[in-house]
Amino acid sequence: MTIRVRLFALLRDRAGAGEAELSLPGGATVAAAAAALADRFPGLRDAVPRVMYAVNQEYAAADAVLKDGDELALIPPVSGG
């Protein structure tokens, strides 16, 4: 299956891209997609454990199962004051 991944802020900067396509086996989870993304973009490895996920614009857990054509967004922690 193929999914589209969107990266924001620090993640986009580290990957050098705001979007990527990933080919994954059927039944892959959000966590598996994040690991594959970190393999493709090594600059993301230390950030991926701290991100939040959204699948098709709804927050999702790392164990959520993805379907072909899904959009996965990785949302970095936000700080401010």
PDB file of N, CA and C in Angstrom:
ATOM      1  N   MET A   1       0.841  -1.179   0.000  1.00  0.00           N
ATOM      2  CA  MET A   1       0.000   0.000   0.000  1.00  0.00           C
ATOM      3  C   MET A   1       0.884   1.239   0.000  1.00  0.00           C
ATOM      4  N   THR A   2       0.313   2.327  -0.434  1.00  0.00           N
ATOM      5  CA  THR A   2       1.039   3.590  -0.478  1.00  0.00           C
ATOM      6  C   THR A   2       0.282   4.625   0.345  1.00  0.00           C
ATOM      7  N   ILE A   3       1.012   5.336   1.191  1.00  0.00           N
ATOM      8  CA  ILE A   3       0.418   6.427   1.966  1.00  0.00           C
ATOM      9  C   ILE A   3       1.199   7.702   1.698  1.00  0.00           C
ATOM     10  N   ARG A   4       0.559   8.816   1.983  1.00  0.00           N
ATOM     11  CA  ARG A   4       1.217  10.124   1.874  1.00  0.00           C
ATOM     12  C   ARG A   4       1.511  10.605   3.284  1.00  0.00           C
ATOM     13  N   VAL A   5       2.719  11.086   3.497  1.00  0.00           N
ATOM     14  CA  VAL A   5       3.127  11.586   4.802  1.00  0.00           C
ATOM     15  C   VAL A   5       3.366  13.084   4.694  1.00  0.00           C
ATOM     16  N   ARG A   6       2.828  13.832   5.650  1.00  0.00           N
ATOM     17  CA  ARG A   6       3.050  15.276   5.719  1.00  0.00           C
ATOM     18  C   ARG A   6       3.881  15.581   6.948  1.00  0.00           C
ATOM     19  N   LEU A   7       4.865  16.450   6.765  1.00  0.00           N
ATOM     20  CA  LEU A   7       5.775  16.845   7.841  1.00  0.00           C
ATOM     21  C   LEU A   7       5.654  18.339   8.071  1.00  0.00           C
ATOM     22  N   PHE A   8       5.734  18.743   9.326  1.00  0.00           N
ATOM     23  CA  PHE A   8       5.563  20.142   9.674  1.00  0.00           C
ATOM     24  C   PHE A   8       6.742  20.658  10.492  1.00  0.00           C
ATOM     25  N   ALA A   9       6.972  21.959  10.390  1.00  0.00           N
ATOM     26  CA  ALA A   9       7.935  22.707  11.217  1.00  0.00           C
ATOM     27  C   ALA A   9       9.311  22.040  11.240  1.00  0.00           C
ATOM     28  N   LEU A  10       9.810  21.732  12.403  1.00  0.00           N
ATOM     29  CA  LEU A  10      11.139  21.141  12.583  1.00  0.00           C
ATOM     30  C   LEU A  10      11.313  19.866  11.762  1.00  0.00           C
ATOM     31  N   LEU A  11      10.280  19.050  11.688  1.00  0.00           N
ATOM     32  CA  LEU A  11      10.365  17.797  10.933  1.00  0.00           C
ATOM     33  C   LEU A  11      10.569  18.067   9.450  1.00  0.00           C
ATOM     34  N   ARG A  12       9.847  19.040   8.924  1.00  0.00           N
ATOM     35  CA  ARG A  12      10.011  19.423   7.511  1.00  0.00           C
ATOM     36  C   ARG A  12      11.430  19.909   7.261  1.00  0.00           C
ATOM     37  N   ASP A  13      11.951  20.716   8.176  1.00  0.00           N
ATOM     38  CA  ASP A  13      13.316  21.240   8.025  1.00  0.00           C
ATOM     39  C   ASP A  13      14.344  20.113   8.037  1.00  0.00           C
ATOM     40  N   ARG A  14      14.196  19.187   8.963  1.00  0.00           N
ATOM     41  CA  ARG A  14      15.170  18.086   9.072  1.00  0.00           C
ATOM     42  C   ARG A  14      15.115  17.123   7.891  1.00  0.00           C
ATOM     43  N   ALA A  15      13.919  16.902   7.359  1.00  0.00           N
ATOM     44  CA  ALA A  15      13.781  15.991   6.226  1.00  0.00           C
ATOM     45  C   ALA A  15      14.112  16.669   4.902  1.00  0.00           C
ATOM     46  N   GLY A  16      14.004  18.002   4.882  1.00  0.00           N
ATOM     47  CA  GLY A  16      14.227  18.716   3.634  1.00  0.00           C
ATOM     48  C   GLY A  16      13.046  18.598   2.682  1.00  0.00           C
ATOM     49  N   ALA A  17      11.896  18.187   3.225  1.00  0.00           N
ATOM     50  CA  ALA A  17      10.690  18.032   2.404  1.00  0.00           C
ATOM     51  C   ALA A  17       9.472  18.130   3.314  1.00  0.00           C
ATOM     52  N   GLY A  18       8.384  18.626   2.777  1.00  0.00           N
ATOM     53  CA  GLY A  18       7.150  18.723   3.543  1.00  0.00           C
ATOM     54  C   GLY A  18       6.236  17.526   3.363  1.00  0.00           C
ATOM     55  N   GLU A  19       6.507  16.734   2.328  1.00  0.00           N
ATOM     56  CA  GLU A  19       5.688  15.563   2.034  1.00  0.00           C
ATOM     57  C   GLU A  19       6.557  14.434   1.518  1.00  0.00           C
ATOM     58  N   ALA A  20       6.069  13.224   1.710  1.00  0.00           N
ATOM     59  CA  ALA A  20       6.750  12.045   1.176  1.00  0.00           C
ATOM     60  C   ALA A  20       5.708  10.957   0.956  1.00  0.00           C
ATOM     61  N   GLU A  21       5.980  10.082   0.027  1.00  0.00           N
ATOM     62  CA  GLU A  21       5.160   8.889  -0.162  1.00  0.00           C
ATOM     63  C   GLU A  21       5.911   7.709   0.400  1.00  0.00           C
ATOM     64  N   LEU A  22       5.177   6.825   1.080  1.00  0.00           N
ATOM     65  CA  LEU A  22       5.776   5.608   1.623  1.00  0.00           C
ATOM     66  C   LEU A  22       5.018   4.405   1.089  1.00  0.00           C
ATOM     67  N   SER A  23       5.749   3.392   0.699  1.00  0.00           N
ATOM     68  CA  SER A  23       5.157   2.103   0.346  1.00  0.00           C
ATOM     69  C   SER A  23       5.367   1.182   1.538  1.00  0.00           C
ATOM     70  N   LEU A  24       4.271   0.644   2.048  1.00  0.00           N
ATOM     71  CA  LEU A  24       4.302  -0.191   3.236  1.00  0.00           C
ATOM     72  C   LEU A  24       3.506  -1.465   2.978  1.00  0.00           C
ATOM     73  N   PRO A  25       3.803  -2.521   3.729  1.00  0.00           N
ATOM     74  CA  PRO A  25       2.981  -3.724   3.592  1.00  0.00           C
ATOM     75  C   PRO A  25       1.577  -3.491   4.142  1.00  0.00           C
ATOM     76  N   GLY A  26       0.611  -4.210   3.637  1.00  0.00           N
ATOM     77  CA  GLY A  26      -0.752  -4.097   4.142  1.00  0.00           C
ATOM     78  C   GLY A  26      -0.800  -4.359   5.634  1.00  0.00           C
ATOM     79  N   GLY A  27      -1.640  -3.629   6.346  1.00  0.00           N
ATOM     80  CA  GLY A  27      -1.766  -3.802   7.784  1.00  0.00           C
ATOM     81  C   GLY A  27      -0.721  -3.071   8.601  1.00  0.00           C
ATOM     82  N   ALA A  28       0.108  -2.260   7.939  1.00  0.00           N
ATOM     83  CA  ALA A  28       1.150  -1.521   8.665  1.00  0.00           C
ATOM     84  C   ALA A  28       0.509  -0.498   9.606  1.00  0.00           C
ATOM     85  N   THR A  29       1.181  -0.264  10.706  1.00  0.00           N
ATOM     86  CA  THR A  29       0.698   0.695  11.698  1.00  0.00           C
ATOM     87  C   THR A  29       1.351   2.059  11.500  1.00  0.00           C
ATOM     88  N   VAL A  30       0.819   3.030  12.213  1.00  0.00           N
ATOM     89  CA  VAL A  30       1.408   4.366  12.219  1.00  0.00           C
ATOM     90  C   VAL A  30       2.852   4.288  12.693  1.00  0.00           C
ATOM     91  N   ALA A  31       3.118   3.499  13.726  1.00  0.00           N
ATOM     92  CA  ALA A  31       4.486   3.361  14.244  1.00  0.00           C
ATOM     93  C   ALA A  31       5.430   2.789  13.186  1.00  0.00           C
ATOM     94  N   ALA A  32       4.960   1.812  12.419  1.00  0.00           N
ATOM     95  CA  ALA A  32       5.793   1.234  11.351  1.00  0.00           C
ATOM     96  C   ALA A  32       6.077   2.276  10.273  1.00  0.00           C
ATOM     97  N   ALA A  33       5.091   3.097   9.959  1.00  0.00           N
ATOM     98  CA  ALA A  33       5.292   4.158   8.963  1.00  0.00           C
ATOM     99  C   ALA A  33       6.300   5.175   9.480  1.00  0.00           C
ATOM    100  N   ALA A  34       6.203   5.533  10.748  1.00  0.00           N
ATOM    101  CA  ALA A  34       7.140   6.495  11.326  1.00  0.00           C
ATOM    102  C   ALA A  34       8.557   5.935  11.312  1.00  0.00           C
ATOM    103  N   ALA A  35       8.707   4.659  11.601  1.00  0.00           N
ATOM    104  CA  ALA A  35      10.033   4.029  11.571  1.00  0.00           C
ATOM    105  C   ALA A  35      10.597   4.018  10.152  1.00  0.00           C
ATOM    106  N   ALA A  36       9.752   3.708   9.167  1.00  0.00           N
ATOM    107  CA  ALA A  36      10.196   3.721   7.771  1.00  0.00           C
ATOM    108  C   ALA A  36      10.596   5.124   7.341  1.00  0.00           C
ATOM    109  N   LEU A  37       9.866   6.105   7.819  1.00  0.00           N
ATOM    110  CA  LEU A  37      10.193   7.492   7.495  1.00  0.00           C
ATOM    111  C   LEU A  37      11.531   7.890   8.106  1.00  0.00           C
ATOM    112  N   ALA A  38      11.784   7.472   9.338  1.00  0.00           N
ATOM    113  CA  ALA A  38      13.056   7.775   9.995  1.00  0.00           C
ATOM    114  C   ALA A  38      14.218   7.072   9.283  1.00  0.00           C
ATOM    115  N   ASP A  39      13.962   5.909   8.696  1.00  0.00           N
ATOM    116  CA  ASP A  39      14.999   5.229   7.912  1.00  0.00           C
ATOM    117  C   ASP A  39      15.316   6.027   6.651  1.00  0.00           C
ATOM    118  N   ARG A  40      14.283   6.574   6.031  1.00  0.00           N
ATOM    119  CA  ARG A  40      14.474   7.346   4.800  1.00  0.00           C
ATOM    120  C   ARG A  40      15.122   8.695   5.082  1.00  0.00           C
ATOM    121  N   PHE A  41      14.739   9.323   6.187  1.00  0.00           N
ATOM    122  CA  PHE A  41      15.251  10.643   6.561  1.00  0.00           C
ATOM    123  C   PHE A  41      15.901  10.536   7.945  1.00  0.00           C
ATOM    124  N   PRO A  42      17.182  10.159   8.012  1.00  0.00           N
ATOM    125  CA  PRO A  42      17.841   9.943   9.301  1.00  0.00           C
ATOM    126  C   PRO A  42      17.781  11.140  10.252  1.00  0.00           C
ATOM    127  N   GLY A  43      17.629  12.337   9.737  1.00  0.00           N
ATOM    128  CA  GLY A  43      17.532  13.513  10.594  1.00  0.00           C
ATOM    129  C   GLY A  43      16.283  13.525  11.466  1.00  0.00           C
ATOM    130  N   LEU A  44      15.336  12.632  11.174  1.00  0.00           N
ATOM    131  CA  LEU A  44      14.095  12.572  11.940  1.00  0.00           C
ATOM    132  C   LEU A  44      14.158  11.587  13.108  1.00  0.00           C
ATOM    133  N   ARG A  45      15.177  10.756  13.151  1.00  0.00           N
ATOM    134  CA  ARG A  45      15.215   9.658  14.132  1.00  0.00           C
ATOM    135  C   ARG A  45      15.002  10.101  15.571  1.00  0.00           C
ATOM    136  N   ASP A  46      15.672  11.157  15.982  1.00  0.00           N
ATOM    137  CA  ASP A  46      15.539  11.558  17.384  1.00  0.00           C
ATOM    138  C   ASP A  46      14.228  12.294  17.658  1.00  0.00           C
ATOM    139  N   ALA A  47      13.575  12.817  16.633  1.00  0.00           N
ATOM    140  CA  ALA A  47      12.332  13.564  16.826  1.00  0.00           C
ATOM    141  C   ALA A  47      11.091  12.675  16.781  1.00  0.00           C
ATOM    142  N   VAL A  48      11.134  11.604  16.011  1.00  0.00           N
ATOM    143  CA  VAL A  48       9.948  10.772  15.804  1.00  0.00           C
ATOM    144  C   VAL A  48       9.341  10.242  17.117  1.00  0.00           C
ATOM    145  N   PRO A  49      10.124   9.852  18.111  1.00  0.00           N
ATOM    146  CA  PRO A  49       9.486   9.358  19.342  1.00  0.00           C
ATOM    147  C   PRO A  49       8.652  10.403  20.087  1.00  0.00           C
ATOM    148  N   ARG A  50       8.811  11.662  19.769  1.00  0.00           N
ATOM    149  CA  ARG A  50       8.105  12.719  20.509  1.00  0.00           C
ATOM    150  C   ARG A  50       6.966  13.372  19.723  1.00  0.00           C
ATOM    151  N   VAL A  51       6.659  12.882  18.545  1.00  0.00           N
ATOM    152  CA  VAL A  51       5.633  13.527  17.728  1.00  0.00           C
ATOM    153  C   VAL A  51       4.243  12.979  18.033  1.00  0.00           C
ATOM    154  N   MET A  52       3.254  13.734  17.613  1.00  0.00           N
ATOM    155  CA  MET A  52       1.873  13.255  17.614  1.00  0.00           C
ATOM    156  C   MET A  52       1.541  12.891  16.172  1.00  0.00           C
ATOM    157  N   TYR A  53       0.560  12.027  16.012  1.00  0.00           N
ATOM    158  CA  TYR A  53       0.183  11.552  14.685  1.00  0.00           C
ATOM    159  C   TYR A  53      -1.263  11.910  14.383  1.00  0.00           C
ATOM    160  N   ALA A  54      -1.519  12.144  13.111  1.00  0.00           N
ATOM    161  CA  ALA A  54      -2.887  12.300  12.630  1.00  0.00           C
ATOM    162  C   ALA A  54      -3.020  11.492  11.345  1.00  0.00           C
ATOM    163  N   VAL A  55      -4.096  10.747  11.246  1.00  0.00           N
ATOM    164  CA  VAL A  55      -4.396   9.987  10.035  1.00  0.00           C
ATOM    165  C   VAL A  55      -5.667  10.581   9.444  1.00  0.00           C
ATOM    166  N   ASN A  56      -5.544  11.037   8.211  1.00  0.00           N
ATOM    167  CA  ASN A  56      -6.673  11.669   7.521  1.00  0.00           C
ATOM    168  C   ASN A  56      -7.276  12.795   8.364  1.00  0.00           C
ATOM    169  N   GLN A  57      -6.402  13.598   8.938  1.00  0.00           N
ATOM    170  CA  GLN A  57      -6.726  14.807   9.692  1.00  0.00           C
ATOM    171  C   GLN A  57      -7.429  14.552  11.025  1.00  0.00           C
ATOM    172  N   GLU A  58      -7.248  13.347  11.581  1.00  0.00           N
ATOM    173  CA  GLU A  58      -7.752  13.048  12.921  1.00  0.00           C
ATOM    174  C   GLU A  58      -6.616  12.434  13.724  1.00  0.00           C
ATOM    175  N   TYR A  59      -6.449  12.900  14.968  1.00  0.00           N
ATOM    176  CA  TYR A  59      -5.384  12.354  15.800  1.00  0.00           C
ATOM    177  C   TYR A  59      -5.496  10.845  15.872  1.00  0.00           C
ATOM    178  N   ALA A  60      -4.335  10.186  15.878  1.00  0.00           N
ATOM    179  CA  ALA A  60      -4.304   8.725  15.883  1.00  0.00           C
ATOM    180  C   ALA A  60      -3.182   8.232  16.788  1.00  0.00           C
ATOM    181  N   ALA A  61      -3.359   7.043  17.324  1.00  0.00           N
ATOM    182  CA  ALA A  61      -2.342   6.403  18.154  1.00  0.00           C
ATOM    183  C   ALA A  61      -1.325   5.699  17.265  1.00  0.00           C
ATOM    184  N   ALA A  62      -0.171   5.407  17.841  1.00  0.00           N
ATOM    185  CA  ALA A  62       0.903   4.753  17.095  1.00  0.00           C
ATOM    186  C   ALA A  62       0.506   3.362  16.619  1.00  0.00           C
ATOM    187  N   ASP A  63      -0.444   2.717  17.294  1.00  0.00           N
ATOM    188  CA  ASP A  63      -0.839   1.368  16.900  1.00  0.00           C
ATOM    189  C   ASP A  63      -2.017   1.348  15.916  1.00  0.00           C
ATOM    190  N   ALA A  64      -2.443   2.519  15.449  1.00  0.00           N
ATOM    191  CA  ALA A  64      -3.520   2.580  14.453  1.00  0.00           C
ATOM    192  C   ALA A  64      -3.052   1.948  13.146  1.00  0.00           C
ATOM    193  N   VAL A  65      -3.917   1.168  12.541  1.00  0.00           N
ATOM    194  CA  VAL A  65      -3.594   0.486  11.285  1.00  0.00           C
ATOM    195  C   VAL A  65      -3.930   1.419  10.117  1.00  0.00           C
ATOM    196  N   LEU A  66      -2.994   1.516   9.196  1.00  0.00           N
ATOM    197  CA  LEU A  66      -3.150   2.374   8.020  1.00  0.00           C
ATOM    198  C   LEU A  66      -3.779   1.607   6.863  1.00  0.00           C
ATOM    199  N   LYS A  67      -4.418   2.354   5.969  1.00  0.00           N
ATOM    200  CA  LYS A  67      -4.997   1.779   4.759  1.00  0.00           C
ATOM    201  C   LYS A  67      -4.375   2.477   3.544  1.00  0.00           C
ATOM    202  N   ASP A  68      -4.423   1.805   2.423  1.00  0.00           N
ATOM    203  CA  ASP A  68      -3.905   2.371   1.179  1.00  0.00           C
ATOM    204  C   ASP A  68      -4.545   3.729   0.928  1.00  0.00           C
ATOM    205  N   GLY A  69      -3.723   4.728   0.611  1.00  0.00           N
ATOM    206  CA  GLY A  69      -4.207   6.057   0.294  1.00  0.00           C
ATOM    207  C   GLY A  69      -4.348   6.981   1.492  1.00  0.00           C
ATOM    208  N   ASP A  70      -4.099   6.478   2.697  1.00  0.00           N
ATOM    209  CA  ASP A  70      -4.203   7.335   3.884  1.00  0.00           C
ATOM    210  C   ASP A  70      -3.172   8.452   3.848  1.00  0.00           C
ATOM    211  N   GLU A  71      -3.503   9.524   4.560  1.00  0.00           N
ATOM    212  CA  GLU A  71      -2.556  10.613   4.776  1.00  0.00           C
ATOM    213  C   GLU A  71      -2.160  10.587   6.245  1.00  0.00           C
ATOM    214  N   LEU A  72      -0.873  10.466   6.494  1.00  0.00           N
ATOM    215  CA  LEU A  72      -0.325  10.466   7.839  1.00  0.00           C
ATOM    216  C   LEU A  72       0.422  11.770   8.051  1.00  0.00           C
ATOM    217  N   ALA A  73       0.061  12.495   9.099  1.00  0.00           N
ATOM    218  CA  ALA A  73       0.772  13.722   9.440  1.00  0.00           C
ATOM    219  C   ALA A  73       1.552  13.493  10.732  1.00  0.00           C
ATOM    220  N   LEU A  74       2.803  13.935  10.727  1.00  0.00           N
ATOM    221  CA  LEU A  74       3.620  13.914  11.943  1.00  0.00           C
ATOM    222  C   LEU A  74       3.692  15.337  12.455  1.00  0.00           C
ATOM    223  N   ILE A  75       3.257  15.505  13.687  1.00  0.00           N
ATOM    224  CA  ILE A  75       3.120  16.840  14.274  1.00  0.00           C
ATOM    225  C   ILE A  75       4.108  16.958  15.424  1.00  0.00           C
ATOM    226  N   PRO A  76       5.108  17.841  15.294  1.00  0.00           N
ATOM    227  CA  PRO A  76       6.111  17.954  16.349  1.00  0.00           C
ATOM    228  C   PRO A  76       5.549  18.646  17.590  1.00  0.00           C
ATOM    229  N   PRO A  77       6.203  18.457  18.725  1.00  0.00           N
ATOM    230  CA  PRO A  77       5.776  19.166  19.933  1.00  0.00           C
ATOM    231  C   PRO A  77       5.871  20.675  19.703  1.00  0.00           C
ATOM    232  N   VAL A  78       4.946  21.393  20.316  1.00  0.00           N
ATOM    233  CA  VAL A  78       4.922  22.843  20.179  1.00  0.00           C
ATOM    234  C   VAL A  78       5.180  23.433  21.544  1.00  0.00           C
ATOM    235  N   SER A  79       6.045  24.447  21.564  1.00  0.00           N
ATOM    236  CA  SER A  79       6.281  25.148  22.824  1.00  0.00           C
ATOM    237  C   SER A  79       6.084  26.634  22.579  1.00  0.00           C
ATOM    238  N   GLY A  80       5.869  27.313  23.618  1.00  0.00           N
ATOM    239  CA  GLY A  80       5.671  28.767  23.485  1.00  0.00           C
ATOM    240  C   GLY A  80       5.232  29.331  24.813  1.00  0.00           C
ATOM    241  N   GLY A  81       4.998  30.594  24.798  1.00  0.00           N
ATOM    242  CA  GLY A  81       4.631  31.169  26.066  1.00  0.00           C
ATOM    243  C   GLY A  81       3.867  32.436  25.932  1.00  0.00           C
TER     244      GLY A  81
END
